[in-house]
Amino acid sequence: QVQLVESGGGLVQAGGSLRLSCTASGTIFRMNAMGWYRQAPGKQRELVASITYDGGSTNYADSVKGRFTISRDNAKNTVYLQMNSLKPEDTAVYLCNALMGVGHTGYWGQGTQVTVSS
């Protein structure tokens, strides 16, 4: 059993910053890539950012490039998302995803709400 718990969401004014954290616990085996997704009301879930196990490669959605930074601490089984220069269109539930095991099974957290006011 694997659990992912996100934290750090909240309400912030446009131009502000937030730092999201996601920690994995339970039976963790062969942790691989981790990532952040978001889903706004009435919209499809989209990939925001992802990072390989060694942190050597990252990938960002075009809409967040230059504003968001993903990082991880494998000793803590934690992935972070630093979000700067937030915009109202960044408002969404942010969900953490982790791939584990030989078959790269995907696990999801419950999500954390980020609301950016104009």
C-alpha atoms as a PDB file:
ATOM      1  CA  GLN A   1       0.000   0.000   0.000  1.00  0.00           C
ATOM      2  CA  VAL A   2       1.341   3.391  -1.040  1.00  0.00           C
ATOM      3  CA  GLN A   3       0.005   6.759   0.051  1.00  0.00           C
ATOM      4  CA  LEU A   4       0.799  10.148  -1.454  1.00  0.00           C
ATOM      5  CA  VAL A   5      -0.078  13.197   0.612  1.00  0.00           C
ATOM      6  CA  GLU A   6       0.054  16.696  -0.841  1.00  0.00           C
ATOM      7  CA  SER A   7       0.291  19.922   1.135  1.00  0.00           C
ATOM      8  CA  GLY A   8       0.984  23.592   0.595  1.00  0.00           C
ATOM      9  CA  GLY A   9      -2.049  24.679  -1.362  1.00  0.00           C
ATOM     10  CA  GLY A  10      -4.097  27.712  -0.486  1.00  0.00           C
ATOM     11  CA  LEU A  11      -5.390  31.092  -1.572  1.00  0.00           C
ATOM     12  CA  VAL A  12      -2.921  33.600  -2.972  1.00  0.00           C
ATOM     13  CA  GLN A  13      -3.126  36.836  -4.933  1.00  0.00           C
ATOM     14  CA  ALA A  14      -1.975  37.011  -8.518  1.00  0.00           C
ATOM     15  CA  GLY A  15       1.791  37.436  -8.655  1.00  0.00           C
ATOM     16  CA  GLY A  16       2.273  35.525  -5.435  1.00  0.00           C
ATOM     17  CA  SER A  17       4.021  32.234  -4.723  1.00  0.00           C
ATOM     18  CA  LEU A  18       3.232  28.863  -3.203  1.00  0.00           C
ATOM     19  CA  ARG A  19       5.294  25.748  -2.605  1.00  0.00           C
ATOM     20  CA  LEU A  20       3.578  22.390  -2.856  1.00  0.00           C
ATOM     21  CA  SER A  21       4.939  19.226  -1.278  1.00  0.00           C
ATOM     22  CA  CYS A  22       4.027  15.593  -1.830  1.00  0.00           C
ATOM     23  CA  THR A  23       5.341  12.806   0.368  1.00  0.00           C
ATOM     24  CA  ALA A  24       5.058   9.116  -0.384  1.00  0.00           C
ATOM     25  CA  SER A  25       4.731   6.565   2.412  1.00  0.00           C
ATOM     26  CA  GLY A  26       3.964   2.898   2.852  1.00  0.00           C
ATOM     27  CA  THR A  27       5.501   0.078   0.868  1.00  0.00           C
ATOM     28  CA  ILE A  28       7.707   2.017  -1.505  1.00  0.00           C
ATOM     29  CA  PHE A  29       9.532  -0.059  -4.073  1.00  0.00           C
ATOM     30  CA  ARG A  30      11.631   1.220  -6.926  1.00  0.00           C
ATOM     31  CA  MET A  31      10.416   4.802  -6.912  1.00  0.00           C
ATOM     32  CA  ASN A  32      10.722   6.270 -10.388  1.00  0.00           C
ATOM     33  CA  ALA A  33       9.523   9.495 -11.963  1.00  0.00           C
ATOM     34  CA  MET A  34       7.230  11.829 -10.031  1.00  0.00           C
ATOM     35  CA  GLY A  35       5.071  14.617 -11.265  1.00  0.00           C
ATOM     36  CA  TRP A  36       2.423  17.216 -10.609  1.00  0.00           C
ATOM     37  CA  TYR A  37      -0.851  17.428 -12.482  1.00  0.00           C
ATOM     38  CA  ARG A  38      -3.715  19.863 -12.135  1.00  0.00           C
ATOM     39  CA  GLN A  39      -7.401  19.825 -12.854  1.00  0.00           C
ATOM     40  CA  ALA A  40      -9.613  22.878 -13.014  1.00  0.00           C
ATOM     41  CA  PRO A  41     -13.427  22.662 -12.928  1.00  0.00           C
ATOM     42  CA  GLY A  42     -14.776  21.533 -16.287  1.00  0.00           C
ATOM     43  CA  LYS A  43     -11.320  20.892 -17.696  1.00  0.00           C
ATOM     44  CA  GLN A  44      -9.225  17.814 -18.298  1.00  0.00           C
ATOM     45  CA  ARG A  45      -6.400  16.868 -15.998  1.00  0.00           C
ATOM     46  CA  GLU A  46      -3.108  18.163 -17.366  1.00  0.00           C
ATOM     47  CA  LEU A  47       0.533  17.529 -16.641  1.00  0.00           C
ATOM     48  CA  VAL A  48       2.186  20.516 -14.986  1.00  0.00           C
ATOM     49  CA  ALA A  49       5.685  19.185 -14.386  1.00  0.00           C
ATOM     50  CA  SER A  50       7.566  15.927 -14.006  1.00  0.00           C
ATOM     51  CA  ILE A  51      11.002  14.872 -12.806  1.00  0.00           C
ATOM     52  CA  THR A  52      13.058  11.709 -13.195  1.00  0.00           C
ATOM     53  CA  TYR A  53      14.279   9.737 -10.197  1.00  0.00           C
ATOM     54  CA  ASP A  54      17.757  11.272 -10.241  1.00  0.00           C
ATOM     55  CA  GLY A  55      16.395  14.741 -10.916  1.00  0.00           C
ATOM     56  CA  GLY A  56      18.468  14.966 -14.052  1.00  0.00           C
ATOM     57  CA  SER A  57      15.539  15.572 -16.346  1.00  0.00           C
ATOM     58  CA  THR A  58      12.478  17.731 -15.872  1.00  0.00           C
ATOM     59  CA  ASN A  59       9.527  18.516 -18.083  1.00  0.00           C
ATOM     60  CA  TYR A  60       7.085  21.435 -17.851  1.00  0.00           C
ATOM     61  CA  ALA A  61       3.838  22.450 -19.463  1.00  0.00           C
ATOM     62  CA  ASP A  62       4.368  25.471 -21.707  1.00  0.00           C
ATOM     63  CA  SER A  63       1.977  27.502 -19.569  1.00  0.00           C
ATOM     64  CA  VAL A  64       4.197  27.234 -16.476  1.00  0.00           C
ATOM     65  CA  LYS A  65       7.700  27.313 -17.954  1.00  0.00           C
ATOM     66  CA  GLY A  66       9.833  29.952 -16.286  1.00  0.00           C
ATOM     67  CA  ARG A  67       7.421  30.279 -13.347  1.00  0.00           C
ATOM     68  CA  PHE A  68       7.264  26.805 -11.760  1.00  0.00           C
ATOM     69  CA  THR A  69      10.137  24.589 -10.608  1.00  0.00           C
ATOM     70  CA  ILE A  70       9.883  20.918  -9.714  1.00  0.00           C
ATOM     71  CA  SER A  71      12.400  19.234  -7.430  1.00  0.00           C
ATOM     72  CA  ARG A  72      12.627  16.134  -5.248  1.00  0.00           C
ATOM     73  CA  ASP A  73      14.323  14.748  -2.173  1.00  0.00           C
ATOM     74  CA  ASN A  74      14.578  10.971  -2.527  1.00  0.00           C
ATOM     75  CA  ALA A  75      15.732  10.525   1.057  1.00  0.00           C
ATOM     76  CA  LYS A  76      12.349  11.925   2.112  1.00  0.00           C
ATOM     77  CA  ASN A  77      10.334  10.390  -0.759  1.00  0.00           C
ATOM     78  CA  THR A  78       9.107  13.907  -1.430  1.00  0.00           C
ATOM     79  CA  VAL A  79       8.558  15.960  -4.549  1.00  0.00           C
ATOM     80  CA  TYR A  80       8.098  19.738  -4.509  1.00  0.00           C
ATOM     81  CA  LEU A  81       6.580  22.292  -6.835  1.00  0.00           C
ATOM     82  CA  GLN A  82       7.667  25.890  -6.370  1.00  0.00           C
ATOM     83  CA  MET A  83       5.130  28.136  -8.049  1.00  0.00           C
ATOM     84  CA  ASN A  84       6.006  31.785  -8.634  1.00  0.00           C
ATOM     85  CA  SER A  85       4.237  34.604 -10.458  1.00  0.00           C
ATOM     86  CA  LEU A  86       0.942  32.815 -10.041  1.00  0.00           C
ATOM     87  CA  LYS A  87      -1.943  33.726 -12.327  1.00  0.00           C
ATOM     88  CA  PRO A  88      -5.706  33.262 -11.888  1.00  0.00           C
ATOM     89  CA  GLU A  89      -5.592  30.605 -14.615  1.00  0.00           C
ATOM     90  CA  ASP A  90      -3.340  28.505 -12.364  1.00  0.00           C
ATOM     91  CA  THR A  91      -6.345  27.927 -10.099  1.00  0.00           C
ATOM     92  CA  ALA A  92      -6.965  24.176  -9.883  1.00  0.00           C
ATOM     93  CA  VAL A  93      -6.643  21.098  -7.732  1.00  0.00           C
ATOM     94  CA  TYR A  94      -3.014  20.011  -7.908  1.00  0.00           C
ATOM     95  CA  LEU A  95      -2.363  16.283  -7.730  1.00  0.00           C
ATOM     96  CA  CYS A  96       0.854  14.401  -7.171  1.00  0.00           C
ATOM     97  CA  ASN A  97       1.725  11.305  -9.180  1.00  0.00           C
ATOM     98  CA  ALA A  98       4.479   8.765  -8.588  1.00  0.00           C
ATOM     99  CA  LEU A  99       5.596   5.831 -10.710  1.00  0.00           C
ATOM    100  CA  MET A 100       6.915   2.803  -8.851  1.00  0.00           C
ATOM    101  CA  GLY A 101       8.023  -0.725  -9.466  1.00  0.00           C
ATOM    102  CA  VAL A 102       9.242  -2.561 -12.511  1.00  0.00           C
ATOM    103  CA  GLY A 103       5.939  -1.948 -14.278  1.00  0.00           C
ATOM    104  CA  HIS A 104       5.902   1.784 -13.442  1.00  0.00           C
ATOM    105  CA  THR A 105       2.605   1.573 -11.595  1.00  0.00           C
ATOM    106  CA  GLY A 106       1.135   5.014 -11.088  1.00  0.00           C
ATOM    107  CA  TYR A 107      -0.069   6.274  -7.707  1.00  0.00           C
ATOM    108  CA  TRP A 108      -2.052   9.440  -7.014  1.00  0.00           C
ATOM    109  CA  GLY A 109      -2.538  11.729  -4.082  1.00  0.00           C
ATOM    110  CA  GLN A 110      -5.878  13.256  -3.102  1.00  0.00           C
ATOM    111  CA  GLY A 111      -4.911  16.700  -4.337  1.00  0.00           C
ATOM    112  CA  THR A 112      -4.490  20.142  -2.856  1.00  0.00           C
ATOM    113  CA  GLN A 113      -6.480  23.200  -3.901  1.00  0.00           C
ATOM    114  CA  VAL A 114      -4.656  26.217  -5.286  1.00  0.00           C
ATOM    115  CA  THR A 115      -6.724  29.363  -5.784  1.00  0.00           C
ATOM    116  CA  VAL A 116      -5.229  32.498  -7.308  1.00  0.00           C
ATOM    117  CA  SER A 117      -7.273  35.679  -6.996  1.00  0.00           C
ATOM    118  CA  SER A 118      -6.985  38.560  -9.431  1.00  0.00           C
END
